[in-house]
PDB file of N, CA and C in Angstrom:
ATOM      1  N   MET A   1      -3.385   5.218  20.712  1.00  0.00           N
ATOM      2  CA  MET A   1      -2.028   5.150  20.226  1.00  0.00           C
ATOM      3  C   MET A   1      -2.060   5.107  18.698  1.00  0.00           C
ATOM      4  N   SER A   2      -1.089   5.731  18.058  1.00  0.00           N
ATOM      5  CA  SER A   2      -1.053   5.756  16.600  1.00  0.00           C
ATOM      6  C   SER A   2       0.386   5.718  16.094  1.00  0.00           C
ATOM      7  N   LEU A   3       0.510   5.447  14.818  1.00  0.00           N
ATOM      8  CA  LEU A   3       1.807   5.388  14.159  1.00  0.00           C
ATOM      9  C   LEU A   3       1.730   6.241  12.902  1.00  0.00           C
ATOM     10  N   THR A   4       2.551   7.264  12.818  1.00  0.00           N
ATOM     11  CA  THR A   4       2.588   8.123  11.642  1.00  0.00           C
ATOM     12  C   THR A   4       3.807   7.763  10.811  1.00  0.00           C
ATOM     13  N   CYS A   5       3.567   7.501   9.529  1.00  0.00           N
ATOM     14  CA  CYS A   5       4.676   7.140   8.649  1.00  0.00           C
ATOM     15  C   CYS A   5       4.348   7.534   7.212  1.00  0.00           C
ATOM     16  N   ARG A   6       5.336   7.468   6.366  1.00  0.00           N
ATOM     17  CA  ARG A   6       5.131   7.729   4.945  1.00  0.00           C
ATOM     18  C   ARG A   6       4.714   6.414   4.286  1.00  0.00           C
ATOM     19  N   VAL A   7       3.754   6.509   3.375  1.00  0.00           N
ATOM     20  CA  VAL A   7       3.252   5.321   2.688  1.00  0.00           C
ATOM     21  C   VAL A   7       3.472   5.487   1.191  1.00  0.00           C
ATOM     22  N   GLN A   8       3.764   4.382   0.536  1.00  0.00           N
ATOM     23  CA  GLN A   8       4.004   4.413  -0.900  1.00  0.00           C
ATOM     24  C   GLN A   8       3.725   3.029  -1.453  1.00  0.00           C
ATOM     25  N   TYR A   9       3.272   2.979  -2.688  1.00  0.00           N
ATOM     26  CA  TYR A   9       3.073   1.687  -3.327  1.00  0.00           C
ATOM     27  C   TYR A   9       4.191   1.460  -4.331  1.00  0.00           C
ATOM     28  N   LEU A  10       4.415   0.211  -4.643  1.00  0.00           N
ATOM     29  CA  LEU A  10       5.402  -0.162  -5.642  1.00  0.00           C
ATOM     30  C   LEU A  10       4.656  -0.809  -6.792  1.00  0.00           C
ATOM     31  N   ASN A  11       4.755  -0.228  -7.961  1.00  0.00           N
ATOM     32  CA  ASN A  11       4.104  -0.794  -9.135  1.00  0.00           C
ATOM     33  C   ASN A  11       5.024  -1.863  -9.717  1.00  0.00           C
ATOM     34  N   ASP A  12       4.827  -3.097  -9.289  1.00  0.00           N
ATOM     35  CA  ASP A  12       5.687  -4.187  -9.740  1.00  0.00           C
ATOM     36  C   ASP A  12       4.987  -5.121 -10.720  1.00  0.00           C
ATOM     37  N   VAL A  13       4.006  -4.593 -11.464  1.00  0.00           N
ATOM     38  CA  VAL A  13       3.316  -5.399 -12.460  1.00  0.00           C
ATOM     39  C   VAL A  13       4.319  -5.894 -13.498  1.00  0.00           C
ATOM     40  N   ASP A  14       5.189  -5.002 -13.967  1.00  0.00           N
ATOM     41  CA  ASP A  14       6.260  -5.368 -14.886  1.00  0.00           C
ATOM     42  C   ASP A  14       7.537  -4.703 -14.385  1.00  0.00           C
ATOM     43  N   PRO A  15       8.302  -5.380 -13.525  1.00  0.00           N
ATOM     44  CA  PRO A  15       9.461  -4.744 -12.896  1.00  0.00           C
ATOM     45  C   PRO A  15      10.580  -4.364 -13.865  1.00  0.00           C
ATOM     46  N   PHE A  16      10.572  -4.913 -15.092  1.00  0.00           N
ATOM     47  CA  PHE A  16      11.633  -4.613 -16.047  1.00  0.00           C
ATOM     48  C   PHE A  16      11.257  -3.516 -17.037  1.00  0.00           C
ATOM     49  N   ALA A  17      10.033  -3.035 -16.964  1.00  0.00           N
ATOM     50  CA  ALA A  17       9.608  -1.947 -17.846  1.00  0.00           C
ATOM     51  C   ALA A  17      10.134  -0.624 -17.297  1.00  0.00           C
ATOM     52  N   TYR A  18      10.718   0.177 -18.151  1.00  0.00           N
ATOM     53  CA  TYR A  18      11.277   1.460 -17.712  1.00  0.00           C
ATOM     54  C   TYR A  18      10.172   2.477 -17.474  1.00  0.00           C
ATOM     55  N   ALA A  19       9.257   2.586 -18.406  1.00  0.00           N
ATOM     56  CA  ALA A  19       8.161   3.560 -18.284  1.00  0.00           C
ATOM     57  C   ALA A  19       6.894   2.842 -17.853  1.00  0.00           C
ATOM     58  N   SER A  20       6.089   3.545 -17.118  1.00  0.00           N
ATOM     59  CA  SER A  20       4.834   2.981 -16.636  1.00  0.00           C
ATOM     60  C   SER A  20       3.737   4.012 -16.795  1.00  0.00           C
ATOM     61  N   SER A  21       2.535   3.543 -17.061  1.00  0.00           N
ATOM     62  CA  SER A  21       1.408   4.473 -17.148  1.00  0.00           C
ATOM     63  C   SER A  21       0.919   4.854 -15.752  1.00  0.00           C
ATOM     64  N   TYR A  22       1.459   4.208 -14.730  1.00  0.00           N
ATOM     65  CA  TYR A  22       1.121   4.518 -13.340  1.00  0.00           C
ATOM     66  C   TYR A  22       2.387   4.946 -12.597  1.00  0.00           C
ATOM     67  N   PRO A  23       2.805   6.185 -12.747  1.00  0.00           N
ATOM     68  CA  PRO A  23       4.031   6.603 -12.054  1.00  0.00           C
ATOM     69  C   PRO A  23       3.854   6.607 -10.540  1.00  0.00           C
ATOM     70  N   GLU A  24       4.891   6.199  -9.857  1.00  0.00           N
ATOM     71  CA  GLU A  24       4.852   6.201  -8.398  1.00  0.00           C
ATOM     72  C   GLU A  24       5.011   7.631  -7.893  1.00  0.00           C
ATOM     73  N   PRO A  25       4.405   7.964  -6.775  1.00  0.00           N
ATOM     74  CA  PRO A  25       4.539   9.324  -6.249  1.00  0.00           C
ATOM     75  C   PRO A  25       6.007   9.648  -5.956  1.00  0.00           C
ATOM     76  N   PRO A  26       6.479  10.854  -6.298  1.00  0.00           N
ATOM     77  CA  PRO A  26       7.880  11.193  -6.068  1.00  0.00           C
ATOM     78  C   PRO A  26       8.237  11.285  -4.585  1.00  0.00           C
ATOM     79  N   ARG A  27       7.316  11.734  -3.773  1.00  0.00           N
ATOM     80  CA  ARG A  27       7.552  11.815  -2.327  1.00  0.00           C
ATOM     81  C   ARG A  27       6.358  11.163  -1.633  1.00  0.00           C
ATOM     82  N   PRO A  28       6.596  10.103  -0.894  1.00  0.00           N
ATOM     83  CA  PRO A  28       5.482   9.403  -0.248  1.00  0.00           C
ATOM     84  C   PRO A  28       4.726  10.307   0.728  1.00  0.00           C
ATOM     85  N   PRO A  29       3.399  10.280   0.673  1.00  0.00           N
ATOM     86  CA  PRO A  29       2.618  11.078   1.617  1.00  0.00           C
ATOM     87  C   PRO A  29       2.636  10.466   3.018  1.00  0.00           C
ATOM     88  N   VAL A  30       2.273  11.268   3.988  1.00  0.00           N
ATOM     89  CA  VAL A  30       2.227  10.834   5.388  1.00  0.00           C
ATOM     90  C   VAL A  30       0.826  10.323   5.705  1.00  0.00           C
ATOM     91  N   HIS A  31       0.764   9.214   6.428  1.00  0.00           N
ATOM     92  CA  HIS A  31      -0.516   8.667   6.884  1.00  0.00           C
ATOM     93  C   HIS A  31      -0.351   8.229   8.337  1.00  0.00           C
ATOM     94  N   THR A  32      -1.386   8.420   9.117  1.00  0.00           N
ATOM     95  CA  THR A  32      -1.365   8.001  10.520  1.00  0.00           C
ATOM     96  C   THR A  32      -2.244   6.766  10.686  1.00  0.00           C
ATOM     97  N   PHE A  33      -1.635   5.682  11.120  1.00  0.00           N
ATOM     98  CA  PHE A  33      -2.354   4.443  11.384  1.00  0.00           C
ATOM     99  C   PHE A  33      -2.730   4.397  12.854  1.00  0.00           C
ATOM    100  N   SER A  34      -3.923   3.913  13.121  1.00  0.00           N
ATOM    101  CA  SER A  34      -4.373   3.746  14.495  1.00  0.00           C
ATOM    102  C   SER A  34      -3.961   2.360  14.985  1.00  0.00           C
ATOM    103  N   ALA A  35      -3.414   2.293  16.169  1.00  0.00           N
ATOM    104  CA  ALA A  35      -3.014   1.009  16.740  1.00  0.00           C
ATOM    105  C   ALA A  35      -4.204   0.254  17.316  1.00  0.00           C
ATOM    106  N   THR A  36      -5.331   0.940  17.473  1.00  0.00           N
ATOM    107  CA  THR A  36      -6.503   0.297  18.064  1.00  0.00           C
ATOM    108  C   THR A  36      -7.462  -0.258  17.017  1.00  0.00           C
ATOM    109  N   LEU A  37      -7.292   0.121  15.757  1.00  0.00           N
ATOM    110  CA  LEU A  37      -8.156  -0.387  14.686  1.00  0.00           C
ATOM    111  C   LEU A  37      -7.424  -1.459  13.892  1.00  0.00           C
ATOM    112  N   PRO A  38      -8.149  -2.481  13.416  1.00  0.00           N
ATOM    113  CA  PRO A  38      -7.500  -3.487  12.574  1.00  0.00           C
ATOM    114  C   PRO A  38      -6.962  -2.837  11.292  1.00  0.00           C
ATOM    115  N   LEU A  39      -5.836  -3.296  10.838  1.00  0.00           N
ATOM    116  CA  LEU A  39      -5.209  -2.734   9.647  1.00  0.00           C
ATOM    117  C   LEU A  39      -6.110  -2.856   8.420  1.00  0.00           C
ATOM    118  N   ILE A  40      -6.852  -3.935   8.325  1.00  0.00           N
ATOM    119  CA  ILE A  40      -7.751  -4.143   7.186  1.00  0.00           C
ATOM    120  C   ILE A  40      -8.761  -3.003   7.070  1.00  0.00           C
ATOM    121  N   ASN A  41      -9.168  -2.429   8.186  1.00  0.00           N
ATOM    122  CA  ASN A  41     -10.134  -1.330   8.167  1.00  0.00           C
ATOM    123  C   ASN A  41      -9.501  -0.007   7.755  1.00  0.00           C
ATOM    124  N   GLN A  42      -8.189   0.069   7.721  1.00  0.00           N
ATOM    125  CA  GLN A  42      -7.494   1.313   7.394  1.00  0.00           C
ATOM    126  C   GLN A  42      -6.933   1.327   5.972  1.00  0.00           C
ATOM    127  N   LEU A  43      -6.968   0.193   5.291  1.00  0.00           N
ATOM    128  CA  LEU A  43      -6.373   0.104   3.959  1.00  0.00           C
ATOM    129  C   LEU A  43      -7.085   0.953   2.917  1.00  0.00           C
ATOM    130  N   ALA A  44      -8.388   1.064   2.992  1.00  0.00           N
ATOM    131  CA  ALA A  44      -9.127   1.857   2.002  1.00  0.00           C
ATOM    132  C   ALA A  44      -8.691   3.318   2.041  1.00  0.00           C
ATOM    133  N   ALA A  45      -8.454   3.852   3.219  1.00  0.00           N
ATOM    134  CA  ALA A  45      -8.005   5.245   3.339  1.00  0.00           C
ATOM    135  C   ALA A  45      -6.614   5.424   2.739  1.00  0.00           C
ATOM    136  N   VAL A  46      -5.738   4.465   2.949  1.00  0.00           N
ATOM    137  CA  VAL A  46      -4.390   4.539   2.376  1.00  0.00           C
ATOM    138  C   VAL A  46      -4.468   4.441   0.852  1.00  0.00           C
ATOM    139  N   HIS A  47      -5.318   3.554   0.359  1.00  0.00           N
ATOM    140  CA  HIS A  47      -5.489   3.377  -1.085  1.00  0.00           C
ATOM    141  C   HIS A  47      -5.974   4.668  -1.733  1.00  0.00           C
ATOM    142  N   ARG A  48      -6.940   5.337  -1.103  1.00  0.00           N
ATOM    143  CA  ARG A  48      -7.435   6.624  -1.628  1.00  0.00           C
ATOM    144  C   ARG A  48      -6.350   7.689  -1.580  1.00  0.00           C
ATOM    145  N   LEU A  49      -5.607   7.740  -0.508  1.00  0.00           N
ATOM    146  CA  LEU A  49      -4.543   8.731  -0.359  1.00  0.00           C
ATOM    147  C   LEU A  49      -3.488   8.583  -1.459  1.00  0.00           C
ATOM    148  N   LEU A  50      -3.124   7.360  -1.769  1.00  0.00           N
ATOM    149  CA  LEU A  50      -2.090   7.100  -2.768  1.00  0.00           C
ATOM    150  C   LEU A  50      -2.593   7.161  -4.204  1.00  0.00           C
ATOM    151  N   ARG A  51      -3.905   7.007  -4.367  1.00  0.00           N
ATOM    152  CA  ARG A  51      -4.487   6.876  -5.713  1.00  0.00           C
ATOM    153  C   ARG A  51      -3.785   5.738  -6.461  1.00  0.00           C
ATOM    154  N   ALA A  52      -3.561   4.661  -5.755  1.00  0.00           N
ATOM    155  CA  ALA A  52      -2.849   3.508  -6.317  1.00  0.00           C
ATOM    156  C   ALA A  52      -3.710   2.794  -7.356  1.00  0.00           C
ATOM    157  N   PRO A  53      -3.093   2.352  -8.457  1.00  0.00           N
ATOM    158  CA  PRO A  53      -3.860   1.677  -9.505  1.00  0.00           C
ATOM    159  C   PRO A  53      -4.194   0.229  -9.169  1.00  0.00           C
ATOM    160  N   HIS A  54      -3.525  -0.357  -8.175  1.00  0.00           N
ATOM    161  CA  HIS A  54      -3.757  -1.755  -7.820  1.00  0.00           C
ATOM    162  C   HIS A  54      -5.054  -1.889  -7.036  1.00  0.00           C
ATOM    163  N   ARG A  55      -5.689  -3.024  -7.190  1.00  0.00           N
ATOM    164  CA  ARG A  55      -6.892  -3.285  -6.402  1.00  0.00           C
ATOM    165  C   ARG A  55      -6.474  -3.815  -5.037  1.00  0.00           C
ATOM    166  N   ILE A  56      -7.163  -3.380  -4.008  1.00  0.00           N
ATOM    167  CA  ILE A  56      -6.844  -3.827  -2.648  1.00  0.00           C
ATOM    168  C   ILE A  56      -7.038  -5.332  -2.526  1.00  0.00           C
ATOM    169  N   ARG A  57      -8.033  -5.866  -3.172  1.00  0.00           N
ATOM    170  CA  ARG A  57      -8.327  -7.296  -3.081  1.00  0.00           C
ATOM    171  C   ARG A  57      -7.113  -8.132  -3.494  1.00  0.00           C
ATOM    172  N   TYR A  58      -6.398  -7.705  -4.538  1.00  0.00           N
ATOM    173  CA  TYR A  58      -5.225  -8.451  -5.009  1.00  0.00           C
ATOM    174  C   TYR A  58      -4.123  -8.461  -3.946  1.00  0.00           C
ATOM    175  N   VAL A  59      -3.865  -7.341  -3.348  1.00  0.00           N
ATOM    176  CA  VAL A  59      -2.821  -7.251  -2.324  1.00  0.00           C
ATOM    177  C   VAL A  59      -3.180  -8.117  -1.127  1.00  0.00           C
ATOM    178  N   LEU A  60      -4.436  -8.054  -0.705  1.00  0.00           N
ATOM    179  CA  LEU A  60      -4.865  -8.857   0.438  1.00  0.00           C
ATOM    180  C   LEU A  60      -4.756 -10.345   0.151  1.00  0.00           C
ATOM    181  N   SER A  61      -5.244 -10.786  -1.004  1.00  0.00           N
ATOM    182  CA  SER A  61      -5.218 -12.215  -1.292  1.00  0.00           C
ATOM    183  C   SER A  61      -3.783 -12.711  -1.434  1.00  0.00           C
ATOM    184  N   LYS A  62      -2.897 -11.905  -2.005  1.00  0.00           N
ATOM    185  CA  LYS A  62      -1.502 -12.322  -2.146  1.00  0.00           C
ATOM    186  C   LYS A  62      -0.830 -12.445  -0.785  1.00  0.00           C
ATOM    187  N   SER A  63      -1.070 -11.495   0.095  1.00  0.00           N
ATOM    188  CA  SER A  63      -0.402 -11.551   1.393  1.00  0.00           C
ATOM    189  C   SER A  63      -0.970 -12.659   2.270  1.00  0.00           C
ATOM    190  N   ILE A  64      -2.258 -12.910   2.171  1.00  0.00           N
ATOM    191  CA  ILE A  64      -2.856 -13.985   2.962  1.00  0.00           C
ATOM    192  C   ILE A  64      -2.367 -15.337   2.443  1.00  0.00           C
ATOM    193  N   LYS A  65      -2.293 -15.471   1.117  1.00  0.00           N
ATOM    194  CA  LYS A  65      -1.834 -16.724   0.525  1.00  0.00           C
ATOM    195  C   LYS A  65      -0.371 -16.993   0.876  1.00  0.00           C
ATOM    196  N   ASP A  66       0.466 -15.970   0.785  1.00  0.00           N
ATOM    197  CA  ASP A  66       1.889 -16.143   1.061  1.00  0.00           C
ATOM    198  C   ASP A  66       2.221 -16.055   2.547  1.00  0.00           C
ATOM    199  N   LYS A  67       1.257 -15.639   3.343  1.00  0.00           N
ATOM    200  CA  LYS A  67       1.446 -15.442   4.786  1.00  0.00           C
ATOM    201  C   LYS A  67       2.629 -14.508   5.065  1.00  0.00           C
ATOM    202  N   ASP A  68       2.725 -13.484   4.259  1.00  0.00           N
ATOM    203  CA  ASP A  68       3.797 -12.495   4.416  1.00  0.00           C
ATOM    204  C   ASP A  68       3.139 -11.134   4.568  1.00  0.00           C
ATOM    205  N   PHE A  69       2.950 -10.692   5.794  1.00  0.00           N
ATOM    206  CA  PHE A  69       2.199  -9.477   6.057  1.00  0.00           C
ATOM    207  C   PHE A  69       3.057  -8.223   5.977  1.00  0.00           C
ATOM    208  N   ARG A  70       4.319  -8.343   5.582  1.00  0.00           N
ATOM    209  CA  ARG A  70       5.178  -7.174   5.442  1.00  0.00           C
ATOM    210  C   ARG A  70       4.737  -6.284   4.294  1.00  0.00           C
ATOM    211  N   TYR A  71       3.935  -6.801   3.362  1.00  0.00           N
ATOM    212  CA  TYR A  71       3.449  -5.979   2.255  1.00  0.00           C
ATOM    213  C   TYR A  71       2.766  -4.720   2.767  1.00  0.00           C
ATOM    214  N   PHE A  72       2.151  -4.799   3.928  1.00  0.00           N
ATOM    215  CA  PHE A  72       1.378  -3.679   4.434  1.00  0.00           C
ATOM    216  C   PHE A  72       2.223  -2.659   5.164  1.00  0.00           C
ATOM    217  N   ILE A  73       3.407  -3.026   5.597  1.00  0.00           N
ATOM    218  CA  ILE A  73       4.183  -2.077   6.388  1.00  0.00           C
ATOM    219  C   ILE A  73       5.535  -1.751   5.774  1.00  0.00           C
ATOM    220  N   ASP A  74       5.870  -2.312   4.619  1.00  0.00           N
ATOM    221  CA  ASP A  74       7.139  -1.982   3.954  1.00  0.00           C
ATOM    222  C   ASP A  74       7.123  -0.569   3.443  1.00  0.00           C
TER     223      ASP A  74
END
């Protein structure tokens, strides 16, 4: 079983800055997540697909600390 959806990152390092050196993709790419694999094992592929400037470690530690796992599926 799998879930296909569009993925995108939000560069919220400075939410009040108008210009950013890391522009967000204009149209989110499509990625297929496997329902049988843990999400943690699929994050590296999503990170490569997006070419996101954020480190995966930061996102993981923030979501684990806040216990808010919506960061991964928003």
